[in-house]
Amino acid sequence: MQIPLAVGHPGPGRAGPGTTADFFAGDAAFTVAQVSRASLLTDKFKYALYPLPAGPAGKYSVIGQAGVGVLTASKHKTQATDFLAYMTNPANSAKLAQFFPPPRKSLLTGAKLAADNKVLTAAQLQQAVVDQLPNAVTLPNHTSPAEIAQKGKTALDAMWKADADIPAVLKSVCSAIEPILAK
């Protein structure tokens, strides 16, 4: 499971065109990330951690998902089943919990998540992750996210001038990505 988190620190928060701002290096003041990325946080800054803010449709949380399974047609079904059982036993599930909120309720507390995190507190993780899970939804993903991102970034380049026509630039972003979304 992945729960997006709004994480902020007092970094410069401004990057120009062509610059890749890296929140974890202090180049940006805000990011939306998952628990698995929290391992990149250092004690170089103080952090605030919040659930995603409410939007036009109200309050919501998004959950990502991944799974591991054994294929019935596998040549090594017994070994794969044994490995899956080993990987998901209580001890190894606890180890995996430092990267992903665990499906085991016994491991899903702010205190348990904070045990492997040097920067975020149990209270922060409880509020921003654990408390958000009951109402979290999984959103569908598009099959061409890289293409959408590239077209969107290219259209947004027009924003990087003093007299940018913001409504026109945003309309050009929509025009650039609409054909991809329509696929």
C-alpha atoms as a PDB file:
ATOM      1  CA  MET A   1       0.000   0.000   0.000  1.00  0.00           C
ATOM      2  CA  GLN A   2       1.108   3.553  -0.661  1.00  0.00           C
ATOM      3  CA  ILE A   3      -0.509   6.606   0.868  1.00  0.00           C
ATOM      4  CA  PRO A   4       0.479   9.980  -0.593  1.00  0.00           C
ATOM      5  CA  LEU A   5       1.794  12.371   2.002  1.00  0.00           C
ATOM      6  CA  ALA A   6       2.153  16.116   1.859  1.00  0.00           C
ATOM      7  CA  VAL A   7       5.606  16.780   3.266  1.00  0.00           C
ATOM      8  CA  GLY A   8       7.159  20.201   3.686  1.00  0.00           C
ATOM      9  CA  HIS A   9      10.363  21.785   4.885  1.00  0.00           C
ATOM     10  CA  PRO A  10      11.754  25.310   4.590  1.00  0.00           C
ATOM     11  CA  GLY A  11      13.766  24.725   1.413  1.00  0.00           C
ATOM     12  CA  PRO A  12      14.090  27.397  -1.282  1.00  0.00           C
ATOM     13  CA  GLY A  13      11.002  26.114  -3.101  1.00  0.00           C
ATOM     14  CA  ARG A  14      11.777  27.690  -6.476  1.00  0.00           C
ATOM     15  CA  ALA A  15      13.212  26.052  -9.545  1.00  0.00           C
ATOM     16  CA  GLY A  16      13.499  27.512 -13.030  1.00  0.00           C
ATOM     17  CA  PRO A  17      12.759  25.876 -16.367  1.00  0.00           C
ATOM     18  CA  GLY A  18      14.881  22.839 -17.112  1.00  0.00           C
ATOM     19  CA  THR A  19      15.761  22.391 -13.451  1.00  0.00           C
ATOM     20  CA  THR A  20      14.829  19.214 -11.675  1.00  0.00           C
ATOM     21  CA  ALA A  21      13.946  20.254  -8.143  1.00  0.00           C
ATOM     22  CA  ASP A  22      14.667  17.501  -5.658  1.00  0.00           C
ATOM     23  CA  PHE A  23      12.734  17.863  -2.432  1.00  0.00           C
ATOM     24  CA  PHE A  24      14.937  15.332  -0.674  1.00  0.00           C
ATOM     25  CA  ALA A  25      18.047  17.382  -1.506  1.00  0.00           C
ATOM     26  CA  GLY A  26      16.413  20.581  -0.219  1.00  0.00           C
ATOM     27  CA  ASP A  27      15.662  22.047  -3.658  1.00  0.00           C
ATOM     28  CA  ALA A  28      11.906  22.302  -3.092  1.00  0.00           C
ATOM     29  CA  ALA A  29       9.792  23.156  -0.066  1.00  0.00           C
ATOM     30  CA  PHE A  30       6.898  20.750  -0.659  1.00  0.00           C
ATOM     31  CA  THR A  31       6.294  17.340  -2.155  1.00  0.00           C
ATOM     32  CA  VAL A  32       3.642  14.687  -2.269  1.00  0.00           C
ATOM     33  CA  ALA A  33       5.247  11.326  -1.648  1.00  0.00           C
ATOM     34  CA  GLN A  34       4.668   7.850  -0.335  1.00  0.00           C
ATOM     35  CA  VAL A  35       5.859   6.250   2.878  1.00  0.00           C
ATOM     36  CA  SER A  36       8.486   4.313   0.922  1.00  0.00           C
ATOM     37  CA  ARG A  37      10.175   7.610   0.045  1.00  0.00           C
ATOM     38  CA  ALA A  38      10.368   8.678   3.693  1.00  0.00           C
ATOM     39  CA  SER A  39      13.629   6.755   3.944  1.00  0.00           C
ATOM     40  CA  LEU A  40      15.153   9.551   1.842  1.00  0.00           C
ATOM     41  CA  LEU A  41      14.408  12.148   4.524  1.00  0.00           C
ATOM     42  CA  THR A  42      17.346  13.249   6.641  1.00  0.00           C
ATOM     43  CA  ASP A  43      17.575  15.228   9.848  1.00  0.00           C
ATOM     44  CA  LYS A  44      19.012  18.160   7.835  1.00  0.00           C
ATOM     45  CA  PHE A  45      15.592  19.890   7.935  1.00  0.00           C
ATOM     46  CA  LYS A  46      12.534  19.919  10.160  1.00  0.00           C
ATOM     47  CA  TYR A  47       9.563  18.342   8.425  1.00  0.00           C
ATOM     48  CA  ALA A  48       5.837  18.702   8.659  1.00  0.00           C
ATOM     49  CA  LEU A  49       3.722  15.821   7.448  1.00  0.00           C
ATOM     50  CA  TYR A  50       0.052  16.060   6.558  1.00  0.00           C
ATOM     51  CA  PRO A  51      -2.661  14.018   4.896  1.00  0.00           C
ATOM     52  CA  LEU A  52      -3.583  15.213   1.434  1.00  0.00           C
ATOM     53  CA  PRO A  53      -5.691  18.375   1.671  1.00  0.00           C
ATOM     54  CA  ALA A  54      -9.359  18.365   0.730  1.00  0.00           C
ATOM     55  CA  GLY A  55     -10.056  19.257  -2.869  1.00  0.00           C
ATOM     56  CA  PRO A  56     -13.122  20.323  -4.854  1.00  0.00           C
ATOM     57  CA  ALA A  57     -14.701  16.894  -4.298  1.00  0.00           C
ATOM     58  CA  GLY A  58     -13.973  17.018  -0.573  1.00  0.00           C
ATOM     59  CA  LYS A  59     -11.570  15.066   1.594  1.00  0.00           C
ATOM     60  CA  TYR A  60     -10.039  11.930   0.143  1.00  0.00           C
ATOM     61  CA  SER A  61      -7.053   9.653   0.379  1.00  0.00           C
ATOM     62  CA  VAL A  62      -5.508   7.654  -2.394  1.00  0.00           C
ATOM     63  CA  ILE A  63      -3.935   4.259  -1.910  1.00  0.00           C
ATOM     64  CA  GLY A  64      -1.603   2.534  -4.308  1.00  0.00           C
ATOM     65  CA  GLN A  65      -1.275  -1.175  -4.358  1.00  0.00           C
ATOM     66  CA  ALA A  66       1.114  -3.870  -5.331  1.00  0.00           C
ATOM     67  CA  GLY A  67       1.000  -7.565  -4.875  1.00  0.00           C
ATOM     68  CA  VAL A  68       3.100 -10.649  -4.938  1.00  0.00           C
ATOM     69  CA  GLY A  69       1.682 -13.987  -5.911  1.00  0.00           C
ATOM     70  CA  VAL A  70       2.457 -17.393  -7.289  1.00  0.00           C
ATOM     71  CA  LEU A  71       1.459 -18.336 -10.810  1.00  0.00           C
ATOM     72  CA  THR A  72      -0.302 -21.675 -11.015  1.00  0.00           C
ATOM     73  CA  ALA A  73       1.515 -22.465 -14.267  1.00  0.00           C
ATOM     74  CA  SER A  74       4.933 -21.767 -12.716  1.00  0.00           C
ATOM     75  CA  LYS A  75       7.661 -24.398 -13.177  1.00  0.00           C
ATOM     76  CA  HIS A  76       8.651 -23.795  -9.561  1.00  0.00           C
ATOM     77  CA  LYS A  77       5.287 -23.370  -7.906  1.00  0.00           C
ATOM     78  CA  THR A  78       6.299 -25.067  -4.642  1.00  0.00           C
ATOM     79  CA  GLN A  79       9.454 -22.984  -4.254  1.00  0.00           C
ATOM     80  CA  ALA A  80       7.608 -19.799  -5.151  1.00  0.00           C
ATOM     81  CA  THR A  81       4.886 -20.605  -2.632  1.00  0.00           C
ATOM     82  CA  ASP A  82       7.494 -21.261   0.052  1.00  0.00           C
ATOM     83  CA  PHE A  83       9.254 -17.983  -0.766  1.00  0.00           C
ATOM     84  CA  LEU A  84       5.979 -16.061  -0.660  1.00  0.00           C
ATOM     85  CA  ALA A  85       5.169 -17.566   2.743  1.00  0.00           C
ATOM     86  CA  TYR A  86       8.665 -16.656   3.982  1.00  0.00           C
ATOM     87  CA  MET A  87       8.506 -13.124   2.604  1.00  0.00           C
ATOM     88  CA  THR A  88       5.117 -12.426   4.178  1.00  0.00           C
ATOM     89  CA  ASN A  89       5.633 -14.092   7.564  1.00  0.00           C
ATOM     90  CA  PRO A  90       5.221 -11.769  10.592  1.00  0.00           C
ATOM     91  CA  ALA A  91       8.957 -11.030  10.973  1.00  0.00           C
ATOM     92  CA  ASN A  92       9.551 -10.223   7.311  1.00  0.00           C
ATOM     93  CA  SER A  93       6.280  -8.308   7.032  1.00  0.00           C
ATOM     94  CA  ALA A  94       7.591  -6.105   9.847  1.00  0.00           C
ATOM     95  CA  LYS A  95      10.785  -5.486   7.854  1.00  0.00           C
ATOM     96  CA  LEU A  96       8.787  -4.576   4.728  1.00  0.00           C
ATOM     97  CA  ALA A  97       6.657  -2.175   6.798  1.00  0.00           C
ATOM     98  CA  GLN A  98       9.494   0.346   6.845  1.00  0.00           C
ATOM     99  CA  PHE A  99       8.854   0.923   3.143  1.00  0.00           C
ATOM    100  CA  PHE A 100       5.140   0.255   2.688  1.00  0.00           C
ATOM    101  CA  PRO A 101       2.189   0.488   5.057  1.00  0.00           C
ATOM    102  CA  PRO A 102       1.605  -3.177   5.844  1.00  0.00           C
ATOM    103  CA  PRO A 103      -1.624  -5.085   5.291  1.00  0.00           C
ATOM    104  CA  ARG A 104      -1.180  -6.750   8.704  1.00  0.00           C
ATOM    105  CA  LYS A 105      -3.233  -4.757  11.211  1.00  0.00           C
ATOM    106  CA  SER A 106      -0.824  -5.689  13.985  1.00  0.00           C
ATOM    107  CA  LEU A 107       1.889  -3.719  12.158  1.00  0.00           C
ATOM    108  CA  LEU A 108      -0.269  -0.830  10.996  1.00  0.00           C
ATOM    109  CA  THR A 109       0.178   1.799  13.706  1.00  0.00           C
ATOM    110  CA  GLY A 110       2.004   5.098  13.747  1.00  0.00           C
ATOM    111  CA  ALA A 111       4.313   3.727  16.417  1.00  0.00           C
ATOM    112  CA  LYS A 112       5.231   0.647  14.358  1.00  0.00           C
ATOM    113  CA  LEU A 113       5.816   2.730  11.209  1.00  0.00           C
ATOM    114  CA  ALA A 114       7.923   5.239  13.168  1.00  0.00           C
ATOM    115  CA  ALA A 115      10.125   2.500  14.630  1.00  0.00           C
ATOM    116  CA  ASP A 116      12.017   2.321  11.327  1.00  0.00           C
ATOM    117  CA  ASN A 117      11.870   6.023  10.506  1.00  0.00           C
ATOM    118  CA  LYS A 118      14.530   8.354  11.832  1.00  0.00           C
ATOM    119  CA  VAL A 119      12.720  11.600  10.980  1.00  0.00           C
ATOM    120  CA  LEU A 120       8.930  11.170  11.081  1.00  0.00           C
ATOM    121  CA  THR A 121       7.147  10.700  14.379  1.00  0.00           C
ATOM    122  CA  ALA A 122       4.557   8.128  15.369  1.00  0.00           C
ATOM    123  CA  ALA A 123       1.930  10.879  15.645  1.00  0.00           C
ATOM    124  CA  GLN A 124       2.707  12.189  12.144  1.00  0.00           C
ATOM    125  CA  LEU A 125       2.544   8.725  10.610  1.00  0.00           C
ATOM    126  CA  GLN A 126      -0.624   7.849  12.507  1.00  0.00           C
ATOM    127  CA  GLN A 127      -2.409  11.004  11.284  1.00  0.00           C
ATOM    128  CA  ALA A 128      -1.111  11.107   7.721  1.00  0.00           C
ATOM    129  CA  VAL A 129      -1.037   7.383   6.929  1.00  0.00           C
ATOM    130  CA  VAL A 130      -2.837   5.031   9.287  1.00  0.00           C
ATOM    131  CA  ASP A 131      -5.859   7.248   9.930  1.00  0.00           C
ATOM    132  CA  GLN A 132      -6.304   7.813   6.171  1.00  0.00           C
ATOM    133  CA  LEU A 133      -6.519   4.143   5.198  1.00  0.00           C
ATOM    134  CA  PRO A 134     -10.167   3.376   6.039  1.00  0.00           C
ATOM    135  CA  ASN A 135     -11.477   5.803   3.409  1.00  0.00           C
ATOM    136  CA  ALA A 136      -8.653   5.533   0.878  1.00  0.00           C
ATOM    137  CA  VAL A 137      -9.407   4.649  -2.737  1.00  0.00           C
ATOM    138  CA  THR A 138      -7.264   3.330  -5.559  1.00  0.00           C
ATOM    139  CA  LEU A 139      -7.325   5.565  -8.607  1.00  0.00           C
ATOM    140  CA  PRO A 140      -6.855   4.185 -12.094  1.00  0.00           C
ATOM    141  CA  ASN A 141      -3.621   4.990 -13.897  1.00  0.00           C
ATOM    142  CA  HIS A 142      -3.199   5.796 -17.539  1.00  0.00           C
ATOM    143  CA  THR A 143      -1.139   3.430 -19.667  1.00  0.00           C
ATOM    144  CA  SER A 144       1.101   6.264 -20.958  1.00  0.00           C
ATOM    145  CA  PRO A 145       2.089   8.411 -17.957  1.00  0.00           C
ATOM    146  CA  ALA A 146       5.529   9.280 -19.358  1.00  0.00           C
ATOM    147  CA  GLU A 147       4.030  10.544 -22.613  1.00  0.00           C
ATOM    148  CA  ILE A 148       1.466  12.628 -20.717  1.00  0.00           C
ATOM    149  CA  ALA A 149       4.184  14.087 -18.492  1.00  0.00           C
ATOM    150  CA  GLN A 150       6.408  14.969 -21.461  1.00  0.00           C
ATOM    151  CA  LYS A 151       3.609  16.672 -23.409  1.00  0.00           C
ATOM    152  CA  GLY A 152       2.481  18.510 -20.282  1.00  0.00           C
ATOM    153  CA  LYS A 153       5.990  19.699 -19.416  1.00  0.00           C
ATOM    154  CA  THR A 154       6.585  20.905 -22.960  1.00  0.00           C
ATOM    155  CA  ALA A 155       3.337  22.884 -22.942  1.00  0.00           C
ATOM    156  CA  LEU A 156       4.181  24.365 -19.534  1.00  0.00           C
ATOM    157  CA  ASP A 157       7.483  25.783 -20.842  1.00  0.00           C
ATOM    158  CA  ALA A 158       5.498  28.799 -22.053  1.00  0.00           C
ATOM    159  CA  MET A 159       4.785  29.617 -18.406  1.00  0.00           C
ATOM    160  CA  TRP A 160       8.419  30.572 -17.783  1.00  0.00           C
ATOM    161  CA  LYS A 161       8.301  34.138 -19.019  1.00  0.00           C
ATOM    162  CA  ALA A 162       7.271  37.306 -17.230  1.00  0.00           C
ATOM    163  CA  ASP A 163       4.212  38.028 -19.390  1.00  0.00           C
ATOM    164  CA  ALA A 164       2.932  34.444 -19.623  1.00  0.00           C
ATOM    165  CA  ASP A 165      -0.764  34.111 -20.433  1.00  0.00           C
ATOM    166  CA  ILE A 166      -1.554  31.577 -17.724  1.00  0.00           C
ATOM    167  CA  PRO A 167      -5.071  30.638 -18.901  1.00  0.00           C
ATOM    168  CA  ALA A 168      -3.746  30.118 -22.449  1.00  0.00           C
ATOM    169  CA  VAL A 169      -0.829  28.021 -21.218  1.00  0.00           C
ATOM    170  CA  LEU A 170      -3.120  25.833 -19.144  1.00  0.00           C
ATOM    171  CA  LYS A 171      -5.446  25.425 -22.127  1.00  0.00           C
ATOM    172  CA  SER A 172      -2.435  24.384 -24.231  1.00  0.00           C
ATOM    173  CA  VAL A 173      -1.562  21.733 -21.633  1.00  0.00           C
ATOM    174  CA  CYS A 174      -5.079  20.328 -21.917  1.00  0.00           C
ATOM    175  CA  SER A 175      -4.868  20.402 -25.718  1.00  0.00           C
ATOM    176  CA  ALA A 176      -1.486  18.666 -25.670  1.00  0.00           C
ATOM    177  CA  ILE A 177      -2.504  15.783 -23.422  1.00  0.00           C
ATOM    178  CA  GLU A 178      -6.145  15.310 -24.515  1.00  0.00           C
ATOM    179  CA  PRO A 179      -5.288  13.061 -27.495  1.00  0.00           C
ATOM    180  CA  ILE A 180      -3.261  10.784 -25.208  1.00  0.00           C
ATOM    181  CA  LEU A 181      -6.004  10.663 -22.591  1.00  0.00           C
ATOM    182  CA  ALA A 182      -8.551   9.818 -25.276  1.00  0.00           C
ATOM    183  CA  LYS A 183      -6.651   6.648 -26.275  1.00  0.00           C
END
